[in-house]
Amino acid sequence: MHLCVDIRLKNSFIDSMDDFANDKKAELRKYLTDVVKRNETDEKLDELAGKMSAEWKKPKQSRKKPDLSFAKFQEKLKKKKS
């Protein structure tokens, strides 16, 4: 998961923690912000962009369509029961 998205999720989690005092929440937010600043450097973002660009240039692999028939569902259900 991209670090910024991860931090946003953690921030929403922090907001939901009623037990924490507001100063502790602010301290934790500051810490997480500092982590992002240290880790999301221009070099790392460029590296990530390069990897994503290379991945997008690869030809798509054809995926098999899933068998969504009721018979297949029953088969899986029987396997699970045994």
PDB file of N, CA and C in Angstrom:
ATOM      1  N   MET A   1       0.847  -1.172   0.000  1.00  0.00           N
ATOM      2  CA  MET A   1       0.000   0.000   0.000  1.00  0.00           C
ATOM      3  C   MET A   1       0.890   1.232   0.000  1.00  0.00           C
ATOM      4  N   HIS A   2       0.499   2.179  -0.754  1.00  0.00           N
ATOM      5  CA  HIS A   2       1.256   3.420  -0.828  1.00  0.00           C
ATOM      6  C   HIS A   2       1.237   4.088   0.539  1.00  0.00           C
ATOM      7  N   LEU A   3       2.345   4.666   0.938  1.00  0.00           N
ATOM      8  CA  LEU A   3       2.504   5.200   2.284  1.00  0.00           C
ATOM      9  C   LEU A   3       1.495   6.287   2.617  1.00  0.00           C
ATOM     10  N   CYS A   4       1.197   7.205   1.692  1.00  0.00           N
ATOM     11  CA  CYS A   4       0.222   8.275   1.969  1.00  0.00           C
ATOM     12  C   CYS A   4      -1.152   7.694   2.275  1.00  0.00           C
ATOM     13  N   VAL A   5      -1.559   6.705   1.511  1.00  0.00           N
ATOM     14  CA  VAL A   5      -2.856   6.074   1.741  1.00  0.00           C
ATOM     15  C   VAL A   5      -2.849   5.395   3.091  1.00  0.00           C
ATOM     16  N   ASP A   6      -1.758   4.726   3.410  1.00  0.00           N
ATOM     17  CA  ASP A   6      -1.618   4.054   4.684  1.00  0.00           C
ATOM     18  C   ASP A   6      -1.731   5.053   5.826  1.00  0.00           C
ATOM     19  N   ILE A   7      -1.096   6.211   5.697  1.00  0.00           N
ATOM     20  CA  ILE A   7      -1.149   7.232   6.737  1.00  0.00           C
ATOM     21  C   ILE A   7      -2.570   7.758   6.884  1.00  0.00           C
ATOM     22  N   ARG A   8      -3.285   7.949   5.773  1.00  0.00           N
ATOM     23  CA  ARG A   8      -4.672   8.421   5.863  1.00  0.00           C
ATOM     24  C   ARG A   8      -5.534   7.418   6.612  1.00  0.00           C
ATOM     25  N   LEU A   9      -5.318   6.142   6.355  1.00  0.00           N
ATOM     26  CA  LEU A   9      -6.074   5.120   7.071  1.00  0.00           C
ATOM     27  C   LEU A   9      -5.753   5.161   8.557  1.00  0.00           C
ATOM     28  N   LYS A  10      -4.470   5.338   8.870  1.00  0.00           N
ATOM     29  CA  LYS A  10      -4.087   5.409  10.277  1.00  0.00           C
ATOM     30  C   LYS A  10      -4.668   6.650  10.933  1.00  0.00           C
ATOM     31  N   ASN A  11      -4.722   7.770  10.210  1.00  0.00           N
ATOM     32  CA  ASN A  11      -5.311   8.984  10.764  1.00  0.00           C
ATOM     33  C   ASN A  11      -6.788   8.790  11.066  1.00  0.00           C
ATOM     34  N   SER A  12      -7.514   8.120  10.188  1.00  0.00           N
ATOM     35  CA  SER A  12      -8.930   7.878  10.463  1.00  0.00           C
ATOM     36  C   SER A  12      -9.081   6.926  11.645  1.00  0.00           C
ATOM     37  N   PHE A  13      -8.142   6.003  11.783  1.00  0.00           N
ATOM     38  CA  PHE A  13      -8.146   5.112  12.941  1.00  0.00           C
ATOM     39  C   PHE A  13      -7.884   5.907  14.216  1.00  0.00           C
ATOM     40  N   ILE A  14      -6.939   6.844  14.148  1.00  0.00           N
ATOM     41  CA  ILE A  14      -6.627   7.680  15.308  1.00  0.00           C
ATOM     42  C   ILE A  14      -7.862   8.462  15.730  1.00  0.00           C
ATOM     43  N   ASP A  15      -8.592   9.012  14.764  1.00  0.00           N
ATOM     44  CA  ASP A  15      -9.801   9.775  15.078  1.00  0.00           C
ATOM     45  C   ASP A  15     -10.829   8.918  15.802  1.00  0.00           C
ATOM     46  N   SER A  16     -10.855   7.639  15.500  1.00  0.00           N
ATOM     47  CA  SER A  16     -11.848   6.756  16.111  1.00  0.00           C
ATOM     48  C   SER A  16     -11.456   6.291  17.515  1.00  0.00           C
ATOM     49  N   MET A  17     -10.250   6.613  17.955  1.00  0.00           N
ATOM     50  CA  MET A  17      -9.791   6.183  19.280  1.00  0.00           C
ATOM     51  C   MET A  17     -10.222   7.207  20.326  1.00  0.00           C
ATOM     52  N   ASP A  18     -11.363   6.951  20.957  1.00  0.00           N
ATOM     53  CA  ASP A  18     -11.897   7.879  21.944  1.00  0.00           C
ATOM     54  C   ASP A  18     -11.073   7.893  23.223  1.00  0.00           C
ATOM     55  N   ASP A  19     -10.364   6.815  23.508  1.00  0.00           N
ATOM     56  CA  ASP A  19      -9.600   6.712  24.749  1.00  0.00           C
ATOM     57  C   ASP A  19      -8.413   7.670  24.777  1.00  0.00           C
ATOM     58  N   PHE A  20      -7.860   7.967  23.604  1.00  0.00           N
ATOM     59  CA  PHE A  20      -6.675   8.819  23.540  1.00  0.00           C
ATOM     60  C   PHE A  20      -7.046  10.269  23.775  1.00  0.00           C
ATOM     61  N   ALA A  21      -6.230  10.960  24.533  1.00  0.00           N
ATOM     62  CA  ALA A  21      -6.404  12.398  24.704  1.00  0.00           C
ATOM     63  C   ALA A  21      -6.037  13.083  23.392  1.00  0.00           C
ATOM     64  N   ASN A  22      -6.597  14.253  23.165  1.00  0.00           N
ATOM     65  CA  ASN A  22      -6.347  14.971  21.908  1.00  0.00           C
ATOM     66  C   ASN A  22      -4.873  15.267  21.694  1.00  0.00           C
ATOM     67  N   ASP A  23      -4.126  15.562  22.779  1.00  0.00           N
ATOM     68  CA  ASP A  23      -2.698  15.848  22.610  1.00  0.00           C
ATOM     69  C   ASP A  23      -1.944  14.606  22.161  1.00  0.00           C
ATOM     70  N   LYS A  24      -2.374  13.441  22.605  1.00  0.00           N
ATOM     71  CA  LYS A  24      -1.732  12.192  22.167  1.00  0.00           C
ATOM     72  C   LYS A  24      -2.052  11.921  20.698  1.00  0.00           C
ATOM     73  N   LYS A  25      -3.285  12.237  20.297  1.00  0.00           N
ATOM     74  CA  LYS A  25      -3.653  12.068  18.890  1.00  0.00           C
ATOM     75  C   LYS A  25      -2.809  12.983  18.013  1.00  0.00           C
ATOM     76  N   ALA A  26      -2.640  14.222  18.453  1.00  0.00           N
ATOM     77  CA  ALA A  26      -1.836  15.182  17.685  1.00  0.00           C
ATOM     78  C   ALA A  26      -0.390  14.719  17.611  1.00  0.00           C
ATOM     79  N   GLU A  27       0.116  14.184  18.713  1.00  0.00           N
ATOM     80  CA  GLU A  27       1.495  13.689  18.750  1.00  0.00           C
ATOM     81  C   GLU A  27       1.668  12.520  17.777  1.00  0.00           C
ATOM     82  N   LEU A  28       0.698  11.626  17.755  1.00  0.00           N
ATOM     83  CA  LEU A  28       0.757  10.471  16.862  1.00  0.00           C
ATOM     84  C   LEU A  28       0.659  10.910  15.400  1.00  0.00           C
ATOM     85  N   ARG A  29      -0.217  11.884  15.112  1.00  0.00           N
ATOM     86  CA  ARG A  29      -0.324  12.414  13.746  1.00  0.00           C
ATOM     87  C   ARG A  29       0.991  13.033  13.297  1.00  0.00           C
ATOM     88  N   LYS A  30       1.635  13.792  14.189  1.00  0.00           N
ATOM     89  CA  LYS A  30       2.909  14.432  13.858  1.00  0.00           C
ATOM     90  C   LYS A  30       3.960  13.368  13.559  1.00  0.00           C
ATOM     91  N   TYR A  31       3.978  12.321  14.366  1.00  0.00           N
ATOM     92  CA  TYR A  31       4.925  11.232  14.150  1.00  0.00           C
ATOM     93  C   TYR A  31       4.700  10.591  12.781  1.00  0.00           C
ATOM     94  N   LEU A  32       3.440  10.292  12.446  1.00  0.00           N
ATOM     95  CA  LEU A  32       3.134   9.663  11.163  1.00  0.00           C
ATOM     96  C   LEU A  32       3.487  10.579   9.998  1.00  0.00           C
ATOM     97  N   THR A  33       3.250  11.875  10.158  1.00  0.00           N
ATOM     98  CA  THR A  33       3.616  12.839   9.123  1.00  0.00           C
ATOM     99  C   THR A  33       5.122  12.861   8.919  1.00  0.00           C
ATOM    100  N   ASP A  34       5.870  12.813  10.011  1.00  0.00           N
ATOM    101  CA  ASP A  34       7.333  12.781   9.917  1.00  0.00           C
ATOM    102  C   ASP A  34       7.817  11.522   9.204  1.00  0.00           C
ATOM    103  N   VAL A  35       7.153  10.401   9.475  1.00  0.00           N
ATOM    104  CA  VAL A  35       7.514   9.140   8.813  1.00  0.00           C
ATOM    105  C   VAL A  35       7.331   9.279   7.303  1.00  0.00           C
ATOM    106  N   VAL A  36       6.223   9.885   6.889  1.00  0.00           N
ATOM    107  CA  VAL A  36       5.970  10.086   5.457  1.00  0.00           C
ATOM    108  C   VAL A  36       7.046  10.973   4.854  1.00  0.00           C
ATOM    109  N   LYS A  37       7.365  12.074   5.524  1.00  0.00           N
ATOM    110  CA  LYS A  37       8.378  13.000   4.999  1.00  0.00           C
ATOM    111  C   LYS A  37       9.726  12.311   4.838  1.00  0.00           C
ATOM    112  N   ARG A  38      10.080  11.442   5.780  1.00  0.00           N
ATOM    113  CA  ARG A  38      11.369  10.744   5.706  1.00  0.00           C
ATOM    114  C   ARG A  38      11.380   9.687   4.609  1.00  0.00           C
ATOM    115  N   ASN A  39      10.266   9.016   4.419  1.00  0.00           N
ATOM    116  CA  ASN A  39      10.245   7.857   3.518  1.00  0.00           C
ATOM    117  C   ASN A  39       9.788   8.160   2.104  1.00  0.00           C
ATOM    118  N   GLU A  40       8.980   9.168   1.914  1.00  0.00           N
ATOM    119  CA  GLU A  40       8.497   9.471   0.565  1.00  0.00           C
ATOM    120  C   GLU A  40       9.351  10.558  -0.067  1.00  0.00           C
ATOM    121  N   THR A  41      10.569  10.202  -0.365  1.00  0.00           N
ATOM    122  CA  THR A  41      11.483  11.145  -1.008  1.00  0.00           C
ATOM    123  C   THR A  41      11.217  11.154  -2.505  1.00  0.00           C
ATOM    124  N   ASP A  42      11.718  12.181  -3.172  1.00  0.00           N
ATOM    125  CA  ASP A  42      11.545  12.270  -4.626  1.00  0.00           C
ATOM    126  C   ASP A  42      12.160  11.066  -5.325  1.00  0.00           C
ATOM    127  N   GLU A  43      13.301  10.594  -4.808  1.00  0.00           N
ATOM    128  CA  GLU A  43      13.964   9.438  -5.426  1.00  0.00           C
ATOM    129  C   GLU A  43      13.081   8.196  -5.336  1.00  0.00           C
ATOM    130  N   LYS A  44      12.483   7.985  -4.166  1.00  0.00           N
ATOM    131  CA  LYS A  44      11.640   6.800  -3.993  1.00  0.00           C
ATOM    132  C   LYS A  44      10.367   6.899  -4.828  1.00  0.00           C
ATOM    133  N   LEU A  45       9.810   8.111  -4.928  1.00  0.00           N
ATOM    134  CA  LEU A  45       8.621   8.284  -5.758  1.00  0.00           C
ATOM    135  C   LEU A  45       8.950   8.069  -7.230  1.00  0.00           C
ATOM    136  N   ASP A  46      10.126   8.547  -7.665  1.00  0.00           N
ATOM    137  CA  ASP A  46      10.558   8.312  -9.050  1.00  0.00           C
ATOM    138  C   ASP A  46      10.761   6.824  -9.310  1.00  0.00           C
ATOM    139  N   GLU A  47      11.335   6.132  -8.327  1.00  0.00           N
ATOM    140  CA  GLU A  47      11.552   4.688  -8.456  1.00  0.00           C
ATOM    141  C   GLU A  47      10.209   3.965  -8.572  1.00  0.00           C
ATOM    142  N   LEU A  48       9.255   4.365  -7.742  1.00  0.00           N
ATOM    143  CA  LEU A  48       7.924   3.768  -7.793  1.00  0.00           C
ATOM    144  C   LEU A  48       7.262   4.037  -9.143  1.00  0.00           C
ATOM    145  N   ALA A  49       7.396   5.270  -9.637  1.00  0.00           N
ATOM    146  CA  ALA A  49       6.819   5.621 -10.940  1.00  0.00           C
ATOM    147  C   ALA A  49       7.443   4.783 -12.047  1.00  0.00           C
ATOM    148  N   GLY A  50       8.748   4.557 -11.974  1.00  0.00           N
ATOM    149  CA  GLY A  50       9.425   3.727 -12.969  1.00  0.00           C
ATOM    150  C   GLY A  50       8.929   2.296 -12.953  1.00  0.00           C
ATOM    151  N   LYS A  51       8.757   1.746 -11.754  1.00  0.00           N
ATOM    152  CA  LYS A  51       8.264   0.371 -11.630  1.00  0.00           C
ATOM    153  C   LYS A  51       6.843   0.248 -12.170  1.00  0.00           C
ATOM    154  N   MET A  52       6.009   1.236 -11.834  1.00  0.00           N
ATOM    155  CA  MET A  52       4.626   1.195 -12.304  1.00  0.00           C
ATOM    156  C   MET A  52       4.561   1.344 -13.816  1.00  0.00           C
ATOM    157  N   SER A  53       5.391   2.205 -14.363  1.00  0.00           N
ATOM    158  CA  SER A  53       5.424   2.411 -15.808  1.00  0.00           C
ATOM    159  C   SER A  53       5.837   1.128 -16.522  1.00  0.00           C
ATOM    160  N   ALA A  54       6.853   0.463 -15.986  1.00  0.00           N
ATOM    161  CA  ALA A  54       7.311  -0.797 -16.581  1.00  0.00           C
ATOM    162  C   ALA A  54       6.217  -1.858 -16.497  1.00  0.00           C
ATOM    163  N   GLU A  55       5.506  -1.885 -15.380  1.00  0.00           N
ATOM    164  CA  GLU A  55       4.441  -2.866 -15.202  1.00  0.00           C
ATOM    165  C   GLU A  55       3.293  -2.608 -16.179  1.00  0.00           C
ATOM    166  N   TRP A  56       2.970  -1.345 -16.397  1.00  0.00           N
ATOM    167  CA  TRP A  56       1.877  -1.005 -17.311  1.00  0.00           C
ATOM    168  C   TRP A  56       2.226  -1.316 -18.755  1.00  0.00           C
ATOM    169  N   LYS A  57       3.500  -1.311 -19.082  1.00  0.00           N
ATOM    170  CA  LYS A  57       3.917  -1.577 -20.457  1.00  0.00           C
ATOM    171  C   LYS A  57       3.880  -3.063 -20.796  1.00  0.00           C
ATOM    172  N   LYS A  58       3.866  -3.915 -19.780  1.00  0.00           N
ATOM    173  CA  LYS A  58       3.807  -5.356 -20.014  1.00  0.00           C
ATOM    174  C   LYS A  58       2.455  -5.709 -20.628  1.00  0.00           C
ATOM    175  N   PRO A  59       2.453  -6.676 -21.536  1.00  0.00           N
ATOM    176  CA  PRO A  59       1.161  -7.087 -22.105  1.00  0.00           C
ATOM    177  C   PRO A  59       0.290  -7.740 -21.032  1.00  0.00           C
ATOM    178  N   LYS A  60      -0.988  -7.484 -21.135  1.00  0.00           N
ATOM    179  CA  LYS A  60      -1.913  -8.056 -20.157  1.00  0.00           C
ATOM    180  C   LYS A  60      -1.987  -9.561 -20.338  1.00  0.00           C
ATOM    181  N   GLN A  61      -2.042 -10.248 -19.225  1.00  0.00           N
ATOM    182  CA  GLN A  61      -2.223 -11.691 -19.276  1.00  0.00           C
ATOM    183  C   GLN A  61      -3.720 -11.957 -19.351  1.00  0.00           C
ATOM    184  N   SER A  62      -4.089 -12.851 -20.229  1.00  0.00           N
ATOM    185  CA  SER A  62      -5.517 -13.153 -20.336  1.00  0.00           C
ATOM    186  C   SER A  62      -5.921 -14.004 -19.138  1.00  0.00           C
ATOM    187  N   ARG A  63      -6.929 -13.543 -18.477  1.00  0.00           N
ATOM    188  CA  ARG A  63      -7.436 -14.283 -17.324  1.00  0.00           C
ATOM    189  C   ARG A  63      -8.580 -15.181 -17.771  1.00  0.00           C
ATOM    190  N   LYS A  64      -8.625 -16.342 -17.142  1.00  0.00           N
ATOM    191  CA  LYS A  64      -9.754 -17.220 -17.415  1.00  0.00           C
ATOM    192  C   LYS A  64     -10.981 -16.632 -16.734  1.00  0.00           C
ATOM    193  N   LYS A  65     -12.095 -16.718 -17.415  1.00  0.00           N
ATOM    194  CA  LYS A  65     -13.332 -16.249 -16.802  1.00  0.00           C
ATOM    195  C   LYS A  65     -13.738 -17.249 -15.729  1.00  0.00           C
ATOM    196  N   PRO A  66     -14.152 -16.770 -14.569  1.00  0.00           N
ATOM    197  CA  PRO A  66     -14.544 -17.695 -13.504  1.00  0.00           C
ATOM    198  C   PRO A  66     -15.846 -18.412 -13.850  1.00  0.00           C
ATOM    199  N   ASP A  67     -15.935 -19.638 -13.392  1.00  0.00           N
ATOM    200  CA  ASP A  67     -17.157 -20.421 -13.598  1.00  0.00           C
ATOM    201  C   ASP A  67     -18.135 -20.048 -12.484  1.00  0.00           C
ATOM    202  N   LEU A  68     -19.139 -19.273 -12.828  1.00  0.00           N
ATOM    203  CA  LEU A  68     -20.101 -18.809 -11.836  1.00  0.00           C
ATOM    204  C   LEU A  68     -21.408 -19.593 -11.878  1.00  0.00           C
ATOM    205  N   SER A  69     -21.356 -20.773 -12.460  1.00  0.00           N
ATOM    206  CA  SER A  69     -22.574 -21.583 -12.551  1.00  0.00           C
ATOM    207  C   SER A  69     -22.953 -22.124 -11.173  1.00  0.00           C
ATOM    208  N   PHE A  70     -24.237 -22.409 -11.023  1.00  0.00           N
ATOM    209  CA  PHE A  70     -24.722 -22.952  -9.761  1.00  0.00           C
ATOM    210  C   PHE A  70     -24.128 -24.331  -9.499  1.00  0.00           C
ATOM    211  N   ALA A  71     -23.910 -25.102 -10.556  1.00  0.00           N
ATOM    212  CA  ALA A  71     -23.327 -26.439 -10.408  1.00  0.00           C
ATOM    213  C   ALA A  71     -21.932 -26.350  -9.784  1.00  0.00           C
ATOM    214  N   LYS A  72     -21.141 -25.394 -10.235  1.00  0.00           N
ATOM    215  CA  LYS A  72     -19.794 -25.216  -9.685  1.00  0.00           C
ATOM    216  C   LYS A  72     -19.882 -24.793  -8.217  1.00  0.00           C
ATOM    217  N   PHE A  73     -20.853 -23.949  -7.906  1.00  0.00           N
ATOM    218  CA  PHE A  73     -21.057 -23.519  -6.528  1.00  0.00           C
ATOM    219  C   PHE A  73     -21.410 -24.710  -5.642  1.00  0.00           C
ATOM    220  N   GLN A  74     -22.316 -25.566  -6.120  1.00  0.00           N
ATOM    221  CA  GLN A  74     -22.693 -26.752  -5.352  1.00  0.00           C
ATOM    222  C   GLN A  74     -21.491 -27.660  -5.128  1.00  0.00           C
ATOM    223  N   GLU A  75     -20.667 -27.800  -6.145  1.00  0.00           N
ATOM    224  CA  GLU A  75     -19.468 -28.637  -6.046  1.00  0.00           C
ATOM    225  C   GLU A  75     -18.545 -28.112  -4.942  1.00  0.00           C
ATOM    226  N   LYS A  76     -18.327 -26.810  -4.927  1.00  0.00           N
ATOM    227  CA  LYS A  76     -17.473 -26.214  -3.895  1.00  0.00           C
ATOM    228  C   LYS A  76     -18.095 -26.370  -2.515  1.00  0.00           C
ATOM    229  N   LEU A  77     -19.411 -26.241  -2.442  1.00  0.00           N
ATOM    230  CA  LEU A  77     -20.112 -26.377  -1.175  1.00  0.00           C
ATOM    231  C   LEU A  77     -19.965 -27.795  -0.631  1.00  0.00           C
ATOM    232  N   LYS A  78     -20.070 -28.803  -1.517  1.00  0.00           N
ATOM    233  CA  LYS A  78     -19.916 -30.197  -1.107  1.00  0.00           C
ATOM    234  C   LYS A  78     -18.502 -30.458  -0.600  1.00  0.00           C
ATOM    235  N   LYS A  79     -17.502 -29.893  -1.283  1.00  0.00           N
ATOM    236  CA  LYS A  79     -16.109 -30.071  -0.859  1.00  0.00           C
ATOM    237  C   LYS A  79     -15.885 -29.466   0.524  1.00  0.00           C
ATOM    238  N   LYS A  80     -16.516 -28.336   0.771  1.00  0.00           N
ATOM    239  CA  LYS A  80     -16.337 -27.652   2.046  1.00  0.00           C
ATOM    240  C   LYS A  80     -16.954 -28.447   3.192  1.00  0.00           C
ATOM    241  N   LYS A  81     -18.092 -29.099   2.922  1.00  0.00           N
ATOM    242  CA  LYS A  81     -18.773 -29.873   3.952  1.00  0.00           C
ATOM    243  C   LYS A  81     -17.998 -31.134   4.317  1.00  0.00           C
ATOM    244  N   SER A  82     -17.266 -31.691   3.376  1.00  0.00           N
ATOM    245  CA  SER A  82     -16.556 -32.949   3.654  1.00  0.00           C
ATOM    246  C   SER A  82     -15.168 -32.729   4.162  1.00  0.00           C
TER     247      SER A  82
END
